[in-house]
Amino acid sequence: MFEKDLEIAFWLDFYGEVLSERKRTVLDYYYNDDLSLAEIAEEIGISRQGVRDLIKKAEEELRFYEEKLGLAARFRKTQTVAEHLLTLLREHGADGELQRAAEELAETVR
């Protein structure tokens, strides 16, 4: 068996809709439902090797999208900066409107 790259599960949230339904379903079973290759193969009616091949192809496709678009990386960066901003505002007693805006931003990217 091959090792799971959990970054793929994160990318699936961003780019899953551009994958074929079959690839998206297989990745969802594998990463989100934690099914084995054999369980997925039985569920969709193909061989374990067929499942493995689909997973690899779908992972490559997601990797391509992230390399080209970088949406997941930007989202993570936004989360980090929003949380840091909120922490700074709380520590320094910022005014209500500014702090509410920072809280809204941080909540949006959680």
N, C-alpha and C. Protein backbone atom coordinates (compact mmCIF):
# COMPACT_ATOMS: atom_id res chain seq x y z
N MET A 1 0.84 -1.19 0.00
CA MET A 1 0.00 0.00 0.00
C MET A 1 0.88 1.25 0.00
N PHE A 2 0.38 2.32 -0.52
CA PHE A 2 1.17 3.53 -0.57
C PHE A 2 0.71 4.49 0.54
N GLU A 3 1.60 5.40 0.88
CA GLU A 3 1.34 6.32 1.98
C GLU A 3 0.42 7.46 1.55
N LYS A 4 -0.51 7.81 2.42
CA LYS A 4 -1.44 8.89 2.12
C LYS A 4 -0.77 10.25 2.32
N ASP A 5 -0.99 11.12 1.36
CA ASP A 5 -0.53 12.50 1.46
C ASP A 5 -1.77 13.31 1.86
N LEU A 6 -1.85 13.69 3.13
CA LEU A 6 -3.05 14.33 3.63
C LEU A 6 -3.28 15.72 3.05
N GLU A 7 -2.27 16.28 2.40
CA GLU A 7 -2.44 17.54 1.70
C GLU A 7 -3.46 17.37 0.56
N ILE A 8 -3.51 16.16 0.01
CA ILE A 8 -4.45 15.86 -1.07
C ILE A 8 -5.88 16.05 -0.58
N ALA A 9 -6.17 15.61 0.63
CA ALA A 9 -7.52 15.77 1.18
C ALA A 9 -7.89 17.25 1.26
N PHE A 10 -6.94 18.09 1.61
CA PHE A 10 -7.18 19.53 1.67
C PHE A 10 -7.43 20.08 0.27
N TRP A 11 -6.62 19.67 -0.69
CA TRP A 11 -6.80 20.11 -2.07
C TRP A 11 -8.14 19.65 -2.64
N LEU A 12 -8.58 18.49 -2.20
CA LEU A 12 -9.86 17.96 -2.67
C LEU A 12 -11.00 18.93 -2.34
N ASP A 13 -10.91 19.59 -1.21
CA ASP A 13 -11.92 20.59 -0.85
C ASP A 13 -11.93 21.75 -1.83
N PHE A 14 -10.78 22.13 -2.34
CA PHE A 14 -10.68 23.27 -3.25
C PHE A 14 -10.98 22.91 -4.69
N TYR A 15 -10.47 21.80 -5.13
CA TYR A 15 -10.52 21.48 -6.57
C TYR A 15 -11.35 20.24 -6.90
N GLY A 16 -11.98 19.65 -5.92
CA GLY A 16 -12.71 18.41 -6.14
C GLY A 16 -13.76 18.49 -7.23
N GLU A 17 -14.41 19.63 -7.34
CA GLU A 17 -15.48 19.78 -8.32
C GLU A 17 -14.99 19.74 -9.77
N VAL A 18 -13.71 19.97 -9.99
CA VAL A 18 -13.21 19.91 -11.37
C VAL A 18 -12.75 18.50 -11.76
N LEU A 19 -12.68 17.61 -10.80
CA LEU A 19 -12.37 16.21 -11.10
C LEU A 19 -13.61 15.52 -11.65
N SER A 20 -13.38 14.43 -12.36
CA SER A 20 -14.52 13.63 -12.79
C SER A 20 -15.21 13.08 -11.54
N GLU A 21 -16.48 12.78 -11.68
CA GLU A 21 -17.24 12.26 -10.53
C GLU A 21 -16.58 11.00 -9.97
N ARG A 22 -16.10 10.15 -10.85
CA ARG A 22 -15.49 8.89 -10.41
C ARG A 22 -14.22 9.16 -9.60
N LYS A 23 -13.36 10.05 -10.09
CA LYS A 23 -12.13 10.37 -9.36
C LYS A 23 -12.45 11.03 -8.02
N ARG A 24 -13.40 11.94 -8.04
CA ARG A 24 -13.78 12.64 -6.82
C ARG A 24 -14.34 11.65 -5.78
N THR A 25 -15.16 10.72 -6.24
CA THR A 25 -15.74 9.72 -5.35
C THR A 25 -14.67 8.83 -4.74
N VAL A 26 -13.75 8.37 -5.57
CA VAL A 26 -12.68 7.49 -5.08
C VAL A 26 -11.81 8.23 -4.06
N LEU A 27 -11.43 9.47 -4.35
CA LEU A 27 -10.62 10.24 -3.38
C LEU A 27 -11.40 10.49 -2.10
N ASP A 28 -12.67 10.77 -2.23
CA ASP A 28 -13.50 11.00 -1.05
C ASP A 28 -13.55 9.74 -0.18
N TYR A 29 -13.76 8.60 -0.79
CA TYR A 29 -13.75 7.34 -0.04
C TYR A 29 -12.40 7.12 0.64
N TYR A 30 -11.35 7.37 -0.10
CA TYR A 30 -10.00 7.07 0.39
C TYR A 30 -9.55 8.04 1.49
N TYR A 31 -9.72 9.33 1.26
CA TYR A 31 -9.22 10.32 2.21
C TYR A 31 -10.22 10.70 3.29
N ASN A 32 -11.47 10.89 2.94
CA ASN A 32 -12.44 11.37 3.91
C ASN A 32 -13.13 10.25 4.67
N ASP A 33 -13.41 9.15 3.99
CA ASP A 33 -14.07 8.01 4.65
C ASP A 33 -13.07 6.96 5.14
N ASP A 34 -11.80 7.13 4.76
CA ASP A 34 -10.71 6.24 5.17
C ASP A 34 -10.96 4.77 4.79
N LEU A 35 -11.54 4.56 3.62
CA LEU A 35 -11.74 3.20 3.13
C LEU A 35 -10.44 2.67 2.53
N SER A 36 -10.26 1.37 2.61
CA SER A 36 -9.08 0.75 2.01
C SER A 36 -9.29 0.63 0.50
N LEU A 37 -8.20 0.31 -0.21
CA LEU A 37 -8.31 0.10 -1.65
C LEU A 37 -9.29 -1.02 -1.96
N ALA A 38 -9.22 -2.09 -1.18
CA ALA A 38 -10.12 -3.23 -1.39
C ALA A 38 -11.58 -2.83 -1.16
N GLU A 39 -11.84 -2.04 -0.14
CA GLU A 39 -13.21 -1.61 0.15
C GLU A 39 -13.75 -0.71 -0.97
N ILE A 40 -12.90 0.18 -1.45
CA ILE A 40 -13.31 1.06 -2.55
C ILE A 40 -13.55 0.24 -3.80
N ALA A 41 -12.66 -0.70 -4.08
CA ALA A 41 -12.79 -1.56 -5.27
C ALA A 41 -14.12 -2.30 -5.24
N GLU A 42 -14.47 -2.82 -4.09
CA GLU A 42 -15.74 -3.54 -3.96
C GLU A 42 -16.92 -2.58 -4.14
N GLU A 43 -16.81 -1.41 -3.58
CA GLU A 43 -17.90 -0.42 -3.63
C GLU A 43 -18.19 0.04 -5.06
N ILE A 44 -17.13 0.27 -5.86
CA ILE A 44 -17.37 0.81 -7.21
C ILE A 44 -17.21 -0.23 -8.32
N GLY A 45 -16.82 -1.45 -7.93
CA GLY A 45 -16.81 -2.54 -8.89
C GLY A 45 -15.62 -2.59 -9.82
N ILE A 46 -14.43 -2.22 -9.31
CA ILE A 46 -13.20 -2.37 -10.10
C ILE A 46 -12.15 -3.04 -9.23
N SER A 47 -10.99 -3.32 -9.81
CA SER A 47 -9.92 -3.98 -9.07
C SER A 47 -9.22 -3.01 -8.12
N ARG A 48 -8.48 -3.57 -7.16
CA ARG A 48 -7.67 -2.75 -6.25
C ARG A 48 -6.68 -1.91 -7.05
N GLN A 49 -6.08 -2.53 -8.07
CA GLN A 49 -5.12 -1.82 -8.91
C GLN A 49 -5.80 -0.67 -9.65
N GLY A 50 -7.01 -0.90 -10.09
CA GLY A 50 -7.77 0.15 -10.75
C GLY A 50 -8.04 1.33 -9.81
N VAL A 51 -8.35 1.01 -8.56
CA VAL A 51 -8.56 2.06 -7.56
C VAL A 51 -7.27 2.82 -7.33
N ARG A 52 -6.17 2.09 -7.17
CA ARG A 52 -4.88 2.73 -6.94
C ARG A 52 -4.52 3.67 -8.10
N ASP A 53 -4.74 3.20 -9.32
CA ASP A 53 -4.46 4.02 -10.50
C ASP A 53 -5.32 5.29 -10.53
N LEU A 54 -6.61 5.13 -10.20
CA LEU A 54 -7.50 6.30 -10.16
C LEU A 54 -7.05 7.30 -9.10
N ILE A 55 -6.65 6.80 -7.95
CA ILE A 55 -6.18 7.69 -6.88
C ILE A 55 -4.95 8.45 -7.33
N LYS A 56 -3.99 7.75 -7.92
CA LYS A 56 -2.77 8.40 -8.38
C LYS A 56 -3.06 9.46 -9.44
N LYS A 57 -3.91 9.14 -10.39
CA LYS A 57 -4.25 10.10 -11.44
C LYS A 57 -4.96 11.32 -10.87
N ALA A 58 -5.88 11.09 -9.95
CA ALA A 58 -6.62 12.20 -9.34
C ALA A 58 -5.69 13.06 -8.49
N GLU A 59 -4.77 12.42 -7.77
CA GLU A 59 -3.80 13.18 -6.98
C GLU A 59 -2.93 14.06 -7.88
N GLU A 60 -2.49 13.49 -8.99
CA GLU A 60 -1.67 14.27 -9.92
C GLU A 60 -2.45 15.46 -10.47
N GLU A 61 -3.72 15.25 -10.74
CA GLU A 61 -4.56 16.33 -11.25
C GLU A 61 -4.71 17.44 -10.20
N LEU A 62 -4.96 17.05 -8.95
CA LEU A 62 -5.08 18.04 -7.88
C LEU A 62 -3.77 18.78 -7.67
N ARG A 63 -2.67 18.05 -7.73
CA ARG A 63 -1.35 18.69 -7.58
C ARG A 63 -1.12 19.72 -8.69
N PHE A 64 -1.51 19.38 -9.89
CA PHE A 64 -1.39 20.29 -11.02
C PHE A 64 -2.19 21.58 -10.76
N TYR A 65 -3.44 21.43 -10.33
CA TYR A 65 -4.26 22.61 -10.05
C TYR A 65 -3.66 23.48 -8.96
N GLU A 66 -3.16 22.85 -7.92
CA GLU A 66 -2.57 23.65 -6.83
C GLU A 66 -1.30 24.34 -7.29
N GLU A 67 -0.48 23.66 -8.09
CA GLU A 67 0.73 24.30 -8.60
C GLU A 67 0.40 25.50 -9.48
N LYS A 68 -0.64 25.39 -10.28
CA LYS A 68 -1.01 26.47 -11.20
C LYS A 68 -1.79 27.59 -10.52
N LEU A 69 -2.70 27.23 -9.63
CA LEU A 69 -3.60 28.23 -9.05
C LEU A 69 -3.23 28.65 -7.62
N GLY A 70 -2.73 27.72 -6.85
CA GLY A 70 -2.29 28.04 -5.49
C GLY A 70 -3.39 28.46 -4.53
N LEU A 71 -4.63 28.07 -4.78
CA LEU A 71 -5.74 28.51 -3.94
C LEU A 71 -5.64 27.98 -2.50
N ALA A 72 -5.25 26.75 -2.34
CA ALA A 72 -5.16 26.18 -1.00
C ALA A 72 -4.06 26.86 -0.20
N ALA A 73 -2.92 27.12 -0.82
CA ALA A 73 -1.82 27.80 -0.14
C ALA A 73 -2.22 29.22 0.26
N ARG A 74 -2.91 29.91 -0.63
CA ARG A 74 -3.36 31.27 -0.32
C ARG A 74 -4.39 31.27 0.81
N PHE A 75 -5.25 30.27 0.81
CA PHE A 75 -6.25 30.16 1.87
C PHE A 75 -5.57 29.96 3.22
N ARG A 76 -4.60 29.05 3.26
CA ARG A 76 -3.87 28.81 4.52
C ARG A 76 -3.16 30.07 4.99
N LYS A 77 -2.54 30.79 4.06
CA LYS A 77 -1.85 32.03 4.40
C LYS A 77 -2.85 33.05 4.97
N THR A 78 -4.00 33.15 4.33
CA THR A 78 -5.04 34.07 4.80
C THR A 78 -5.50 33.69 6.20
N GLN A 79 -5.67 32.40 6.45
CA GLN A 79 -6.05 31.94 7.80
C GLN A 79 -5.02 32.38 8.83
N THR A 80 -3.77 32.15 8.53
CA THR A 80 -2.68 32.48 9.46
C THR A 80 -2.63 33.98 9.74
N VAL A 81 -2.71 34.77 8.69
CA VAL A 81 -2.63 36.23 8.85
C VAL A 81 -3.87 36.75 9.60
N ALA A 82 -5.04 36.22 9.29
CA ALA A 82 -6.26 36.66 9.97
C ALA A 82 -6.21 36.35 11.46
N GLU A 83 -5.75 35.17 11.81
CA GLU A 83 -5.64 34.80 13.23
C GLU A 83 -4.61 35.68 13.94
N HIS A 84 -3.51 35.94 13.27
CA HIS A 84 -2.46 36.79 13.85
C HIS A 84 -3.00 38.22 14.06
N LEU A 85 -3.68 38.73 13.06
CA LEU A 85 -4.27 40.07 13.16
C LEU A 85 -5.24 40.14 14.33
N LEU A 86 -6.10 39.14 14.44
CA LEU A 86 -7.07 39.12 15.53
C LEU A 86 -6.38 39.08 16.88
N THR A 87 -5.34 38.29 17.00
CA THR A 87 -4.58 38.20 18.24
C THR A 87 -3.97 39.56 18.60
N LEU A 88 -3.36 40.20 17.62
CA LEU A 88 -2.75 41.52 17.86
C LEU A 88 -3.80 42.55 18.29
N LEU A 89 -4.94 42.55 17.63
CA LEU A 89 -5.98 43.50 17.98
C LEU A 89 -6.51 43.27 19.39
N ARG A 90 -6.66 42.01 19.77
CA ARG A 90 -7.13 41.70 21.12
C ARG A 90 -6.09 42.11 22.17
N GLU A 91 -4.82 41.84 21.86
CA GLU A 91 -3.75 42.18 22.82
C GLU A 91 -3.60 43.68 23.01
N HIS A 92 -3.87 44.44 21.96
CA HIS A 92 -3.63 45.89 22.02
C HIS A 92 -4.91 46.68 22.18
N GLY A 93 -6.00 46.01 22.48
CA GLY A 93 -7.25 46.69 22.77
C GLY A 93 -7.76 47.57 21.65
N ALA A 94 -7.84 47.03 20.45
CA ALA A 94 -8.32 47.79 19.30
C ALA A 94 -9.78 48.17 19.49
N ASP A 95 -10.21 49.17 18.75
CA ASP A 95 -11.59 49.61 18.86
C ASP A 95 -12.54 48.52 18.37
N GLY A 96 -13.79 48.64 18.75
CA GLY A 96 -14.79 47.61 18.48
C GLY A 96 -14.99 47.29 17.02
N GLU A 97 -15.09 48.29 16.16
CA GLU A 97 -15.37 48.06 14.75
C GLU A 97 -14.22 47.32 14.07
N LEU A 98 -13.01 47.73 14.36
CA LEU A 98 -11.83 47.08 13.76
C LEU A 98 -11.72 45.64 14.23
N GLN A 99 -11.94 45.42 15.52
CA GLN A 99 -11.85 44.06 16.05
C GLN A 99 -12.97 43.18 15.49
N ARG A 100 -14.17 43.71 15.36
CA ARG A 100 -15.28 42.94 14.78
C ARG A 100 -14.97 42.55 13.33
N ALA A 101 -14.38 43.46 12.58
CA ALA A 101 -14.01 43.14 11.20
C ALA A 101 -12.96 42.04 11.15
N ALA A 102 -11.98 42.11 12.04
CA ALA A 102 -10.95 41.07 12.09
C ALA A 102 -11.55 39.72 12.52
N GLU A 103 -12.47 39.76 13.46
CA GLU A 103 -13.13 38.51 13.89
C GLU A 103 -13.95 37.91 12.75
N GLU A 104 -14.62 38.77 11.99
CA GLU A 104 -15.39 38.29 10.85
C GLU A 104 -14.48 37.66 9.80
N LEU A 105 -13.36 38.30 9.55
CA LEU A 105 -12.39 37.74 8.59
C LEU A 105 -11.86 36.39 9.08
N ALA A 106 -11.47 36.34 10.34
CA ALA A 106 -10.93 35.09 10.90
C ALA A 106 -11.99 33.99 10.85
N GLU A 107 -13.22 34.32 11.15
CA GLU A 107 -14.30 33.32 11.12
C GLU A 107 -14.55 32.83 9.70
N THR A 108 -14.44 33.71 8.73
CA THR A 108 -14.68 33.36 7.34
C THR A 108 -13.68 32.31 6.84
N VAL A 109 -12.45 32.38 7.31
CA VAL A 109 -11.42 31.47 6.81
C VAL A 109 -11.13 30.30 7.76
N ARG A 110 -11.94 30.10 8.74
CA ARG A 110 -11.75 28.94 9.64
C ARG A 110 -12.32 27.70 9.02
